[in-house]
């Protein structure tokens, strides 16, 4: 009986840790979105919000999801990449597709630095 209770307690602990990580992740996303909104405005905010909901996206996916035209998305990505909120990765296949993703570690570092200053 002691083994079952210990196993249940361990599962419960893992459950709480996963919920805490998910909650922290949501708060970090809110913080990054708020900072991007303050610094770069609503277009970049919508773009980074969409990227935070996905692990990575192509230019076409960003255009379809945000409703912005290619030029607008391109300008926004340039700003976000320049300030290290977003990074890009090229696939190694024949199409050489470029994927964009939020650089969570850099964004988090920048967010904490901005809050300290």
PDB file of N, CA and C in Angstrom:
ATOM      1  N   UNK A   1       0.833  -1.202   0.000  1.00  0.00           N
ATOM      2  CA  UNK A   1       0.000   0.000   0.000  1.00  0.00           C
ATOM      3  C   UNK A   1       0.865   1.248   0.000  1.00  0.00           C
ATOM      4  N   UNK A   2       2.009   1.193   0.728  1.00  0.00           N
ATOM      5  CA  UNK A   2       2.899   2.347   0.776  1.00  0.00           C
ATOM      6  C   UNK A   2       3.465   2.678  -0.589  1.00  0.00           C
ATOM      7  N   UNK A   3       3.712   1.631  -1.401  1.00  0.00           N
ATOM      8  CA  UNK A   3       4.253   1.835  -2.741  1.00  0.00           C
ATOM      9  C   UNK A   3       3.280   2.559  -3.645  1.00  0.00           C
ATOM     10  N   UNK A   4       1.998   2.232  -3.511  1.00  0.00           N
ATOM     11  CA  UNK A   4       0.968   2.870  -4.339  1.00  0.00           C
ATOM     12  C   UNK A   4       0.850   4.340  -3.974  1.00  0.00           C
ATOM     13  N   UNK A   5       0.835   4.651  -2.679  1.00  0.00           N
ATOM     14  CA  UNK A   5       0.748   6.047  -2.234  1.00  0.00           C
ATOM     15  C   UNK A   5       1.966   6.851  -2.685  1.00  0.00           C
ATOM     16  N   UNK A   6       3.151   6.254  -2.590  1.00  0.00           N
ATOM     17  CA  UNK A   6       4.367   6.946  -3.014  1.00  0.00           C
ATOM     18  C   UNK A   6       4.330   7.207  -4.518  1.00  0.00           C
ATOM     19  N   UNK A   7       3.852   6.210  -5.273  1.00  0.00           N
ATOM     20  CA  UNK A   7       3.768   6.371  -6.727  1.00  0.00           C
ATOM     21  C   UNK A   7       2.747   7.446  -7.084  1.00  0.00           C
ATOM     22  N   UNK A   8       1.617   7.451  -6.380  1.00  0.00           N
ATOM     23  CA  UNK A   8       0.588   8.473  -6.606  1.00  0.00           C
ATOM     24  C   UNK A   8       1.142   9.860  -6.289  1.00  0.00           C
ATOM     25  N   UNK A   9       1.871   9.970  -5.188  1.00  0.00           N
ATOM     26  CA  UNK A   9       2.467  11.249  -4.802  1.00  0.00           C
ATOM     27  C   UNK A   9       3.458  11.744  -5.841  1.00  0.00           C
ATOM     28  N   UNK A  10       4.219  10.819  -6.410  1.00  0.00           N
ATOM     29  CA  UNK A  10       5.199  11.182  -7.437  1.00  0.00           C
ATOM     30  C   UNK A  10       4.499  11.686  -8.692  1.00  0.00           C
ATOM     31  N   UNK A  11       3.418  11.009  -9.097  1.00  0.00           N
ATOM     32  CA  UNK A  11       2.653  11.449 -10.264  1.00  0.00           C
ATOM     33  C   UNK A  11       2.026  12.815 -10.018  1.00  0.00           C
ATOM     34  N   UNK A  12       1.522  13.014  -8.817  1.00  0.00           N
ATOM     35  CA  UNK A  12       0.922  14.293  -8.463  1.00  0.00           C
ATOM     36  C   UNK A  12       1.955  15.413  -8.518  1.00  0.00           C
ATOM     37  N   UNK A  13       3.149  15.126  -8.038  1.00  0.00           N
ATOM     38  CA  UNK A  13       4.230  16.113  -8.060  1.00  0.00           C
ATOM     39  C   UNK A  13       4.586  16.471  -9.507  1.00  0.00           C
ATOM     40  N   UNK A  14       4.690  15.477 -10.380  1.00  0.00           N
ATOM     41  CA  UNK A  14       4.974  15.746 -11.792  1.00  0.00           C
ATOM     42  C   UNK A  14       3.871  16.592 -12.418  1.00  0.00           C
ATOM     43  N   UNK A  15       2.628  16.300 -12.069  1.00  0.00           N
ATOM     44  CA  UNK A  15       1.486  17.050 -12.578  1.00  0.00           C
ATOM     45  C   UNK A  15       1.592  18.522 -12.176  1.00  0.00           C
ATOM     46  N   UNK A  16       1.893  18.787 -10.905  1.00  0.00           N
ATOM     47  CA  UNK A  16       2.028  20.164 -10.434  1.00  0.00           C
ATOM     48  C   UNK A  16       3.190  20.871 -11.106  1.00  0.00           C
ATOM     49  N   UNK A  17       4.298  20.189 -11.307  1.00  0.00           N
ATOM     50  CA  UNK A  17       5.459  20.785 -11.969  1.00  0.00           C
ATOM     51  C   UNK A  17       5.117  21.144 -13.412  1.00  0.00           C
ATOM     52  N   UNK A  18       4.440  20.249 -14.134  1.00  0.00           N
ATOM     53  CA  UNK A  18       4.044  20.536 -15.513  1.00  0.00           C
ATOM     54  C   UNK A  18       3.091  21.724 -15.584  1.00  0.00           C
ATOM     55  N   UNK A  19       2.145  21.800 -14.649  1.00  0.00           N
ATOM     56  CA  UNK A  19       1.223  22.941 -14.616  1.00  0.00           C
ATOM     57  C   UNK A  19       1.958  24.238 -14.319  1.00  0.00           C
ATOM     58  N   UNK A  20       2.926  24.191 -13.421  1.00  0.00           N
ATOM     59  CA  UNK A  20       3.714  25.374 -13.086  1.00  0.00           C
ATOM     60  C   UNK A  20       4.517  25.837 -14.299  1.00  0.00           C
ATOM     61  N   UNK A  21       5.127  24.902 -15.017  1.00  0.00           N
ATOM     62  CA  UNK A  21       5.896  25.242 -16.219  1.00  0.00           C
ATOM     63  C   UNK A  21       4.985  25.871 -17.271  1.00  0.00           C
ATOM     64  N   UNK A  22       3.793  25.297 -17.452  1.00  0.00           N
ATOM     65  CA  UNK A  22       2.845  25.838 -18.425  1.00  0.00           C
ATOM     66  C   UNK A  22       2.411  27.249 -18.024  1.00  0.00           C
ATOM     67  N   UNK A  23       2.148  27.461 -16.748  1.00  0.00           N
ATOM     68  CA  UNK A  23       1.755  28.777 -16.256  1.00  0.00           C
ATOM     69  C   UNK A  23       2.882  29.786 -16.451  1.00  0.00           C
ATOM     70  N   UNK A  24       4.110  29.386 -16.135  1.00  0.00           N
ATOM     71  CA  UNK A  24       5.258  30.275 -16.319  1.00  0.00           C
ATOM     72  C   UNK A  24       5.435  30.608 -17.794  1.00  0.00           C
ATOM     73  N   UNK A  25       5.259  29.628 -18.656  1.00  0.00           N
ATOM     74  CA  UNK A  25       5.392  29.830 -20.088  1.00  0.00           C
ATOM     75  C   UNK A  25       4.373  30.859 -20.584  1.00  0.00           C
ATOM     76  N   UNK A  26       3.143  30.754 -20.115  1.00  0.00           N
ATOM     77  CA  UNK A  26       2.112  31.728 -20.496  1.00  0.00           C
ATOM     78  C   UNK A  26       2.467  33.126 -20.010  1.00  0.00           C
ATOM     79  N   UNK A  27       2.983  33.233 -18.801  1.00  0.00           N
ATOM     80  CA  UNK A  27       3.368  34.537 -18.262  1.00  0.00           C
ATOM     81  C   UNK A  27       4.548  35.124 -19.032  1.00  0.00           C
ATOM     82  N   UNK A  28       5.487  34.277 -19.418  1.00  0.00           N
ATOM     83  CA  UNK A  28       6.629  34.738 -20.216  1.00  0.00           C
ATOM     84  C   UNK A  28       6.141  35.228 -21.572  1.00  0.00           C
ATOM     85  N   UNK A  29       5.219  34.488 -22.188  1.00  0.00           N
ATOM     86  CA  UNK A  29       4.654  34.916 -23.464  1.00  0.00           C
ATOM     87  C   UNK A  29       3.993  36.285 -23.321  1.00  0.00           C
ATOM     88  N   UNK A  30       3.225  36.476 -22.263  1.00  0.00           N
ATOM     89  CA  UNK A  30       2.566  37.769 -22.027  1.00  0.00           C
ATOM     90  C   UNK A  30       3.585  38.877 -21.872  1.00  0.00           C
ATOM     91  N   UNK A  31       4.667  38.592 -21.173  1.00  0.00           N
ATOM     92  CA  UNK A  31       5.722  39.574 -20.953  1.00  0.00           C
ATOM     93  C   UNK A  31       6.399  39.953 -22.267  1.00  0.00           C
ATOM     94  N   UNK A  32       6.729  38.957 -23.080  1.00  0.00           N
ATOM     95  CA  UNK A  32       7.359  39.209 -24.381  1.00  0.00           C
ATOM     96  C   UNK A  32       6.413  40.008 -25.276  1.00  0.00           C
ATOM     97  N   UNK A  33       5.147  39.626 -25.313  1.00  0.00           N
ATOM     98  CA  UNK A  33       4.160  40.328 -26.133  1.00  0.00           C
ATOM     99  C   UNK A  33       4.020  41.779 -25.682  1.00  0.00           C
ATOM    100  N   UNK A  34       3.975  41.996 -24.385  1.00  0.00           N
ATOM    101  CA  UNK A  34       3.849  43.349 -23.853  1.00  0.00           C
ATOM    102  C   UNK A  34       5.062  44.211 -24.225  1.00  0.00           C
ATOM    103  N   UNK A  35       6.236  43.647 -24.115  1.00  0.00           N
ATOM    104  CA  UNK A  35       7.454  44.383 -24.448  1.00  0.00           C
ATOM    105  C   UNK A  35       7.507  44.713 -25.941  1.00  0.00           C
ATOM    106  N   UNK A  36       7.185  43.742 -26.779  1.00  0.00           N
ATOM    107  CA  UNK A  36       7.176  43.976 -28.226  1.00  0.00           C
ATOM    108  C   UNK A  36       6.144  45.051 -28.569  1.00  0.00           C
ATOM    109  N   UNK A  37       4.995  45.024 -27.921  1.00  0.00           N
ATOM    110  CA  UNK A  37       3.970  46.038 -28.161  1.00  0.00           C
ATOM    111  C   UNK A  37       4.486  47.422 -27.779  1.00  0.00           C
ATOM    112  N   UNK A  38       5.126  47.532 -26.624  1.00  0.00           N
ATOM    113  CA  UNK A  38       5.670  48.823 -26.174  1.00  0.00           C
ATOM    114  C   UNK A  38       6.753  49.344 -27.116  1.00  0.00           C
ATOM    115  N   UNK A  39       7.600  48.450 -27.597  1.00  0.00           N
ATOM    116  CA  UNK A  39       8.745  48.869 -28.400  1.00  0.00           C
ATOM    117  C   UNK A  39       8.433  49.045 -29.882  1.00  0.00           C
ATOM    118  N   UNK A  40       7.606  48.158 -30.446  1.00  0.00           N
ATOM    119  CA  UNK A  40       7.477  48.119 -31.899  1.00  0.00           C
ATOM    120  C   UNK A  40       6.058  48.257 -32.433  1.00  0.00           C
ATOM    121  N   UNK A  41       5.050  48.221 -31.572  1.00  0.00           N
ATOM    122  CA  UNK A  41       3.687  48.446 -32.021  1.00  0.00           C
ATOM    123  C   UNK A  41       2.888  47.191 -32.332  1.00  0.00           C
ATOM    124  N   UNK A  42       1.667  47.430 -32.789  1.00  0.00           N
ATOM    125  CA  UNK A  42       0.672  46.364 -32.905  1.00  0.00           C
ATOM    126  C   UNK A  42       0.970  45.335 -33.999  1.00  0.00           C
ATOM    127  N   UNK A  43       1.580  45.743 -35.094  1.00  0.00           N
ATOM    128  CA  UNK A  43       1.848  44.783 -36.177  1.00  0.00           C
ATOM    129  C   UNK A  43       2.866  43.745 -35.723  1.00  0.00           C
ATOM    130  N   UNK A  44       3.944  44.203 -35.105  1.00  0.00           N
ATOM    131  CA  UNK A  44       4.947  43.268 -34.587  1.00  0.00           C
ATOM    132  C   UNK A  44       4.376  42.435 -33.444  1.00  0.00           C
ATOM    133  N   UNK A  45       3.494  43.036 -32.668  1.00  0.00           N
ATOM    134  CA  UNK A  45       2.865  42.308 -31.568  1.00  0.00           C
ATOM    135  C   UNK A  45       2.022  41.151 -32.084  1.00  0.00           C
ATOM    136  N   UNK A  46       1.217  41.414 -33.108  1.00  0.00           N
ATOM    137  CA  UNK A  46       0.398  40.342 -33.671  1.00  0.00           C
ATOM    138  C   UNK A  46       1.283  39.252 -34.268  1.00  0.00           C
ATOM    139  N   UNK A  47       2.357  39.655 -34.924  1.00  0.00           N
ATOM    140  CA  UNK A  47       3.263  38.684 -35.547  1.00  0.00           C
ATOM    141  C   UNK A  47       3.923  37.802 -34.508  1.00  0.00           C
ATOM    142  N   UNK A  48       4.439  38.393 -33.438  1.00  0.00           N
ATOM    143  CA  UNK A  48       5.116  37.580 -32.421  1.00  0.00           C
ATOM    144  C   UNK A  48       4.106  36.732 -31.648  1.00  0.00           C
ATOM    145  N   UNK A  49       2.891  37.228 -31.480  1.00  0.00           N
ATOM    146  CA  UNK A  49       1.844  36.436 -30.816  1.00  0.00           C
ATOM    147  C   UNK A  49       1.550  35.167 -31.608  1.00  0.00           C
ATOM    148  N   UNK A  50       1.457  35.315 -32.929  1.00  0.00           N
ATOM    149  CA  UNK A  50       1.209  34.165 -33.802  1.00  0.00           C
ATOM    150  C   UNK A  50       2.383  33.192 -33.734  1.00  0.00           C
ATOM    151  N   UNK A  51       3.602  33.713 -33.758  1.00  0.00           N
ATOM    152  CA  UNK A  51       4.784  32.856 -33.697  1.00  0.00           C
ATOM    153  C   UNK A  51       4.893  32.128 -32.358  1.00  0.00           C
ATOM    154  N   UNK A  52       4.472  32.764 -31.281  1.00  0.00           N
ATOM    155  CA  UNK A  52       4.532  32.127 -29.963  1.00  0.00           C
ATOM    156  C   UNK A  52       3.560  30.949 -29.862  1.00  0.00           C
ATOM    157  N   UNK A  53       2.515  30.958 -30.679  1.00  0.00           N
ATOM    158  CA  UNK A  53       1.540  29.869 -30.655  1.00  0.00           C
ATOM    159  C   UNK A  53       2.004  28.657 -31.454  1.00  0.00           C
ATOM    160  N   UNK A  54       3.076  28.823 -32.210  1.00  0.00           N
ATOM    161  CA  UNK A  54       3.580  27.747 -33.057  1.00  0.00           C
ATOM    162  C   UNK A  54       5.075  27.589 -32.816  1.00  0.00           C
ATOM    163  N   UNK A  55       5.600  26.425 -33.086  1.00  0.00           N
ATOM    164  CA  UNK A  55       7.044  26.249 -32.894  1.00  0.00           C
ATOM    165  C   UNK A  55       7.825  26.978 -33.984  1.00  0.00           C
ATOM    166  N   UNK A  56       7.303  26.977 -35.191  1.00  0.00           N
ATOM    167  CA  UNK A  56       7.929  27.708 -36.292  1.00  0.00           C
ATOM    168  C   UNK A  56       6.925  27.869 -37.416  1.00  0.00           C
ATOM    169  N   UNK A  57       7.135  28.908 -38.239  1.00  0.00           N
ATOM    170  CA  UNK A  57       6.220  29.175 -39.345  1.00  0.00           C
ATOM    171  C   UNK A  57       7.004  29.682 -40.542  1.00  0.00           C
ATOM    172  N   UNK A  58       6.447  29.437 -41.719  1.00  0.00           N
ATOM    173  CA  UNK A  58       7.013  29.989 -42.947  1.00  0.00           C
ATOM    174  C   UNK A  58       6.427  31.381 -43.171  1.00  0.00           C
ATOM    175  N   UNK A  59       6.996  32.106 -44.133  1.00  0.00           N
ATOM    176  CA  UNK A  59       6.469  33.426 -44.488  1.00  0.00           C
ATOM    177  C   UNK A  59       5.013  33.295 -44.922  1.00  0.00           C
ATOM    178  N   UNK A  60       4.721  32.302 -45.754  1.00  0.00           N
ATOM    179  CA  UNK A  60       3.354  32.099 -46.242  1.00  0.00           C
ATOM    180  C   UNK A  60       2.383  31.864 -45.074  1.00  0.00           C
ATOM    181  N   UNK A  61       2.793  31.037 -44.119  1.00  0.00           N
ATOM    182  CA  UNK A  61       1.936  30.770 -42.960  1.00  0.00           C
ATOM    183  C   UNK A  61       1.705  32.032 -42.137  1.00  0.00           C
ATOM    184  N   UNK A  62       2.743  32.848 -41.987  1.00  0.00           N
ATOM    185  CA  UNK A  62       2.593  34.109 -41.248  1.00  0.00           C
ATOM    186  C   UNK A  62       1.628  35.048 -41.959  1.00  0.00           C
ATOM    187  N   UNK A  63       1.752  35.135 -43.272  1.00  0.00           N
ATOM    188  CA  UNK A  63       0.852  35.998 -44.048  1.00  0.00           C
ATOM    189  C   UNK A  63      -0.589  35.531 -43.905  1.00  0.00           C
ATOM    190  N   UNK A  64      -0.806  34.222 -44.048  1.00  0.00           N
ATOM    191  CA  UNK A  64      -2.166  33.669 -43.941  1.00  0.00           C
ATOM    192  C   UNK A  64      -2.745  33.850 -42.542  1.00  0.00           C
ATOM    193  N   UNK A  65      -1.926  33.656 -41.517  1.00  0.00           N
ATOM    194  CA  UNK A  65      -2.422  33.701 -40.148  1.00  0.00           C
ATOM    195  C   UNK A  65      -2.670  35.130 -39.662  1.00  0.00           C
ATOM    196  N   UNK A  66      -1.767  36.047 -40.003  1.00  0.00           N
ATOM    197  CA  UNK A  66      -1.904  37.430 -39.522  1.00  0.00           C
ATOM    198  C   UNK A  66      -2.823  38.268 -40.392  1.00  0.00           C
ATOM    199  N   UNK A  67      -2.894  37.925 -41.693  1.00  0.00           N
ATOM    200  CA  UNK A  67      -3.675  38.741 -42.617  1.00  0.00           C
ATOM    201  C   UNK A  67      -2.889  39.922 -43.169  1.00  0.00           C
ATOM    202  N   UNK A  68      -1.621  40.043 -42.802  1.00  0.00           N
ATOM    203  CA  UNK A  68      -0.774  41.122 -43.308  1.00  0.00           C
ATOM    204  C   UNK A  68      -0.191  40.733 -44.662  1.00  0.00           C
ATOM    205  N   UNK A  69       0.186  41.735 -45.451  1.00  0.00           N
ATOM    206  CA  UNK A  69       0.818  41.431 -46.737  1.00  0.00           C
ATOM    207  C   UNK A  69       2.295  41.078 -46.522  1.00  0.00           C
ATOM    208  N   UNK A  70       2.905  40.578 -47.599  1.00  0.00           N
ATOM    209  CA  UNK A  70       4.288  40.086 -47.510  1.00  0.00           C
ATOM    210  C   UNK A  70       5.253  41.200 -47.099  1.00  0.00           C
ATOM    211  N   UNK A  71       5.084  42.379 -47.638  1.00  0.00           N
ATOM    212  CA  UNK A  71       5.974  43.504 -47.324  1.00  0.00           C
ATOM    213  C   UNK A  71       5.905  43.850 -45.834  1.00  0.00           C
ATOM    214  N   UNK A  72       4.707  43.894 -45.293  1.00  0.00           N
ATOM    215  CA  UNK A  72       4.515  44.223 -43.879  1.00  0.00           C
ATOM    216  C   UNK A  72       5.150  43.164 -42.981  1.00  0.00           C
ATOM    217  N   UNK A  73       4.903  41.892 -43.295  1.00  0.00           N
ATOM    218  CA  UNK A  73       5.489  40.801 -42.509  1.00  0.00           C
ATOM    219  C   UNK A  73       7.008  40.846 -42.606  1.00  0.00           C
ATOM    220  N   UNK A  74       7.515  41.099 -43.807  1.00  0.00           N
ATOM    221  CA  UNK A  74       8.955  41.163 -44.015  1.00  0.00           C
ATOM    222  C   UNK A  74       9.589  42.261 -43.156  1.00  0.00           C
ATOM    223  N   UNK A  75       8.986  43.446 -43.153  1.00  0.00           N
ATOM    224  CA  UNK A  75       9.502  44.557 -42.347  1.00  0.00           C
ATOM    225  C   UNK A  75       9.451  44.225 -40.857  1.00  0.00           C
ATOM    226  N   UNK A  76       8.355  43.623 -40.449  1.00  0.00           N
ATOM    227  CA  UNK A  76       8.193  43.256 -39.043  1.00  0.00           C
ATOM    228  C   UNK A  76       9.239  42.219 -38.637  1.00  0.00           C
ATOM    229  N   UNK A  77       9.429  41.206 -39.471  1.00  0.00           N
ATOM    230  CA  UNK A  77      10.430  40.182 -39.168  1.00  0.00           C
ATOM    231  C   UNK A  77      11.832  40.774 -39.107  1.00  0.00           C
ATOM    232  N   UNK A  78      12.124  41.720 -39.977  1.00  0.00           N
ATOM    233  CA  UNK A  78      13.439  42.383 -39.941  1.00  0.00           C
ATOM    234  C   UNK A  78      13.677  43.047 -38.590  1.00  0.00           C
ATOM    235  N   UNK A  79      12.670  43.743 -38.093  1.00  0.00           N
ATOM    236  CA  UNK A  79      12.783  44.407 -36.786  1.00  0.00           C
ATOM    237  C   UNK A  79      12.950  43.374 -35.673  1.00  0.00           C
ATOM    238  N   UNK A  80      12.105  42.350 -35.691  1.00  0.00           N
ATOM    239  CA  UNK A  80      12.149  41.338 -34.633  1.00  0.00           C
ATOM    240  C   UNK A  80      13.438  40.513 -34.672  1.00  0.00           C
ATOM    241  N   UNK A  81      13.956  40.257 -35.867  1.00  0.00           N
ATOM    242  CA  UNK A  81      15.228  39.531 -35.982  1.00  0.00           C
ATOM    243  C   UNK A  81      16.383  40.426 -35.535  1.00  0.00           C
ATOM    244  N   UNK A  82      16.358  41.676 -35.946  1.00  0.00           N
ATOM    245  CA  UNK A  82      17.416  42.622 -35.563  1.00  0.00           C
ATOM    246  C   UNK A  82      17.537  42.727 -34.046  1.00  0.00           C
ATOM    247  N   UNK A  83      16.413  42.711 -33.371  1.00  0.00           N
ATOM    248  CA  UNK A  83      16.402  42.851 -31.909  1.00  0.00           C
ATOM    249  C   UNK A  83      16.369  41.498 -31.203  1.00  0.00           C
ATOM    250  N   UNK A  84      16.581  40.436 -31.950  1.00  0.00           N
ATOM    251  CA  UNK A  84      16.758  39.068 -31.457  1.00  0.00           C
ATOM    252  C   UNK A  84      15.534  38.454 -30.763  1.00  0.00           C
ATOM    253  N   UNK A  85      14.370  38.933 -31.146  1.00  0.00           N
ATOM    254  CA  UNK A  85      13.150  38.292 -30.650  1.00  0.00           C
ATOM    255  C   UNK A  85      12.811  37.074 -31.507  1.00  0.00           C
ATOM    256  N   UNK A  86      13.190  37.134 -32.759  1.00  0.00           N
ATOM    257  CA  UNK A  86      12.888  36.075 -33.717  1.00  0.00           C
ATOM    258  C   UNK A  86      14.176  35.667 -34.416  1.00  0.00           C
ATOM    259  N   UNK A  87      14.239  34.386 -34.757  1.00  0.00           N
ATOM    260  CA  UNK A  87      15.362  33.894 -35.566  1.00  0.00           C
ATOM    261  C   UNK A  87      14.784  33.102 -36.727  1.00  0.00           C
ATOM    262  N   UNK A  88      15.622  32.859 -37.718  1.00  0.00           N
ATOM    263  CA  UNK A  88      15.167  32.074 -38.854  1.00  0.00           C
ATOM    264  C   UNK A  88      16.096  30.885 -39.061  1.00  0.00           C
ATOM    265  N   UNK A  89      15.503  29.838 -39.609  1.00  0.00           N
ATOM    266  CA  UNK A  89      16.220  28.600 -39.871  1.00  0.00           C
ATOM    267  C   UNK A  89      15.837  28.148 -41.276  1.00  0.00           C
ATOM    268  N   UNK A  90      16.826  27.771 -42.063  1.00  0.00           N
ATOM    269  CA  UNK A  90      16.541  27.253 -43.398  1.00  0.00           C
ATOM    270  C   UNK A  90      16.577  25.740 -43.371  1.00  0.00           C
ATOM    271  N   UNK A  91      15.615  25.136 -44.064  1.00  0.00           N
ATOM    272  CA  UNK A  91      15.597  23.680 -44.152  1.00  0.00           C
ATOM    273  C   UNK A  91      16.689  23.228 -45.121  1.00  0.00           C
ATOM    274  N   UNK A  92      17.086  22.007 -44.981  1.00  0.00           N
ATOM    275  CA  UNK A  92      18.160  21.458 -45.817  1.00  0.00           C
ATOM    276  C   UNK A  92      17.635  20.744 -47.049  1.00  0.00           C
ATOM    277  N   UNK A  93      16.333  20.760 -47.261  1.00  0.00           N
ATOM    278  CA  UNK A  93      15.784  20.069 -48.427  1.00  0.00           C
ATOM    279  C   UNK A  93      15.962  20.910 -49.696  1.00  0.00           C
ATOM    280  N   UNK A  94      15.523  20.393 -50.816  1.00  0.00           N
ATOM    281  CA  UNK A  94      15.704  21.069 -52.103  1.00  0.00           C
ATOM    282  C   UNK A  94      14.991  22.417 -52.173  1.00  0.00           C
ATOM    283  N   UNK A  95      13.868  22.529 -51.479  1.00  0.00           N
ATOM    284  CA  UNK A  95      13.095  23.776 -51.508  1.00  0.00           C
ATOM    285  C   UNK A  95      13.768  24.904 -50.728  1.00  0.00           C
ATOM    286  N   UNK A  96      14.613  24.549 -49.778  1.00  0.00           N
ATOM    287  CA  UNK A  96      15.299  25.523 -48.915  1.00  0.00           C
ATOM    288  C   UNK A  96      14.286  26.492 -48.278  1.00  0.00           C
ATOM    289  N   UNK A  97      13.315  25.939 -47.629  1.00  0.00           N
ATOM    290  CA  UNK A  97      12.268  26.709 -46.959  1.00  0.00           C
ATOM    291  C   UNK A  97      12.842  27.411 -45.742  1.00  0.00           C
ATOM    292  N   UNK A  98      12.459  28.665 -45.551  1.00  0.00           N
ATOM    293  CA  UNK A  98      12.880  29.418 -44.380  1.00  0.00           C
ATOM    294  C   UNK A  98      11.760  29.392 -43.349  1.00  0.00           C
ATOM    295  N   UNK A  99      12.117  29.030 -42.128  1.00  0.00           N
ATOM    296  CA  UNK A  99      11.170  29.003 -41.018  1.00  0.00           C
ATOM    297  C   UNK A  99      11.551  30.083 -40.019  1.00  0.00           C
ATOM    298  N   UNK A 100      10.540  30.718 -39.457  1.00  0.00           N
ATOM    299  CA  UNK A 100      10.746  31.747 -38.440  1.00  0.00           C
ATOM    300  C   UNK A 100      10.231  31.223 -37.118  1.00  0.00           C
ATOM    301  N   UNK A 101      10.952  31.534 -36.049  1.00  0.00           N
ATOM    302  CA  UNK A 101      10.549  31.092 -34.719  1.00  0.00           C
ATOM    303  C   UNK A 101      11.000  32.123 -33.687  1.00  0.00           C
ATOM    304  N   UNK A 102      10.264  32.178 -32.599  1.00  0.00           N
ATOM    305  CA  UNK A 102      10.636  33.084 -31.516  1.00  0.00           C
ATOM    306  C   UNK A 102      11.876  32.515 -30.837  1.00  0.00           C
ATOM    307  N   UNK A 103      12.859  33.368 -30.654  1.00  0.00           N
ATOM    308  CA  UNK A 103      14.061  32.970 -29.918  1.00  0.00           C
ATOM    309  C   UNK A 103      13.739  33.213 -28.449  1.00  0.00           C
ATOM    310  N   UNK A 104      13.172  32.205 -27.810  1.00  0.00           N
ATOM    311  CA  UNK A 104      12.639  32.376 -26.455  1.00  0.00           C
ATOM    312  C   UNK A 104      13.711  32.757 -25.442  1.00  0.00           C
ATOM    313  N   UNK A 105      14.880  32.177 -25.559  1.00  0.00           N
ATOM    314  CA  UNK A 105      15.938  32.482 -24.602  1.00  0.00           C
ATOM    315  C   UNK A 105      16.394  33.933 -24.741  1.00  0.00           C
ATOM    316  N   UNK A 106      16.619  34.382 -25.979  1.00  0.00           N
ATOM    317  CA  UNK A 106      17.032  35.764 -26.206  1.00  0.00           C
ATOM    318  C   UNK A 106      15.922  36.735 -25.799  1.00  0.00           C
ATOM    319  N   UNK A 107      14.681  36.407 -26.151  1.00  0.00           N
ATOM    320  CA  UNK A 107      13.553  37.271 -25.797  1.00  0.00           C
ATOM    321  C   UNK A 107      13.427  37.408 -24.293  1.00  0.00           C
ATOM    322  N   UNK A 108      13.586  36.292 -23.616  1.00  0.00           N
ATOM    323  CA  UNK A 108      13.488  36.301 -22.163  1.00  0.00           C
ATOM    324  C   UNK A 108      14.611  37.130 -21.553  1.00  0.00           C
ATOM    325  N   UNK A 109      15.821  36.964 -22.057  1.00  0.00           N
ATOM    326  CA  UNK A 109      16.966  37.743 -21.558  1.00  0.00           C
ATOM    327  C   UNK A 109      16.714  39.220 -21.774  1.00  0.00           C
ATOM    328  N   UNK A 110      16.253  39.571 -22.968  1.00  0.00           N
ATOM    329  CA  UNK A 110      15.996  40.967 -23.296  1.00  0.00           C
ATOM    330  C   UNK A 110      14.882  41.532 -22.423  1.00  0.00           C
ATOM    331  N   UNK A 111      13.860  40.735 -22.195  1.00  0.00           N
ATOM    332  CA  UNK A 111      12.731  41.167 -21.374  1.00  0.00           C
ATOM    333  C   UNK A 111      13.173  41.470 -19.949  1.00  0.00           C
ATOM    334  N   UNK A 112      13.967  40.580 -19.363  1.00  0.00           N
ATOM    335  CA  UNK A 112      14.442  40.815 -17.996  1.00  0.00           C
ATOM    336  C   UNK A 112      15.393  41.999 -17.934  1.00  0.00           C
ATOM    337  N   UNK A 113      16.252  42.156 -18.949  1.00  0.00           N
ATOM    338  CA  UNK A 113      17.157  43.284 -18.991  1.00  0.00           C
ATOM    339  C   UNK A 113      16.370  44.575 -19.083  1.00  0.00           C
ATOM    340  N   UNK A 114      15.345  44.594 -19.937  1.00  0.00           N
ATOM    341  CA  UNK A 114      14.521  45.795 -20.112  1.00  0.00           C
ATOM    342  C   UNK A 114      13.813  46.153 -18.809  1.00  0.00           C
ATOM    343  N   UNK A 115      13.334  45.167 -18.082  1.00  0.00           N
ATOM    344  CA  UNK A 115      12.628  45.421 -16.818  1.00  0.00           C
ATOM    345  C   UNK A 115      13.572  45.928 -15.732  1.00  0.00           C
ATOM    346  N   UNK A 116      14.850  45.522 -15.783  1.00  0.00           N
ATOM    347  CA  UNK A 116      15.830  45.990 -14.799  1.00  0.00           C
ATOM    348  C   UNK A 116      16.184  47.442 -15.052  1.00  0.00           C
ATOM    349  N   UNK A 117      16.297  47.799 -16.346  1.00  0.00           N
ATOM    350  CA  UNK A 117      16.647  49.166 -16.696  1.00  0.00           C
ATOM    351  C   UNK A 117      15.477  50.073 -16.447  1.00  0.00           C
TER     352      UNK A 117
END
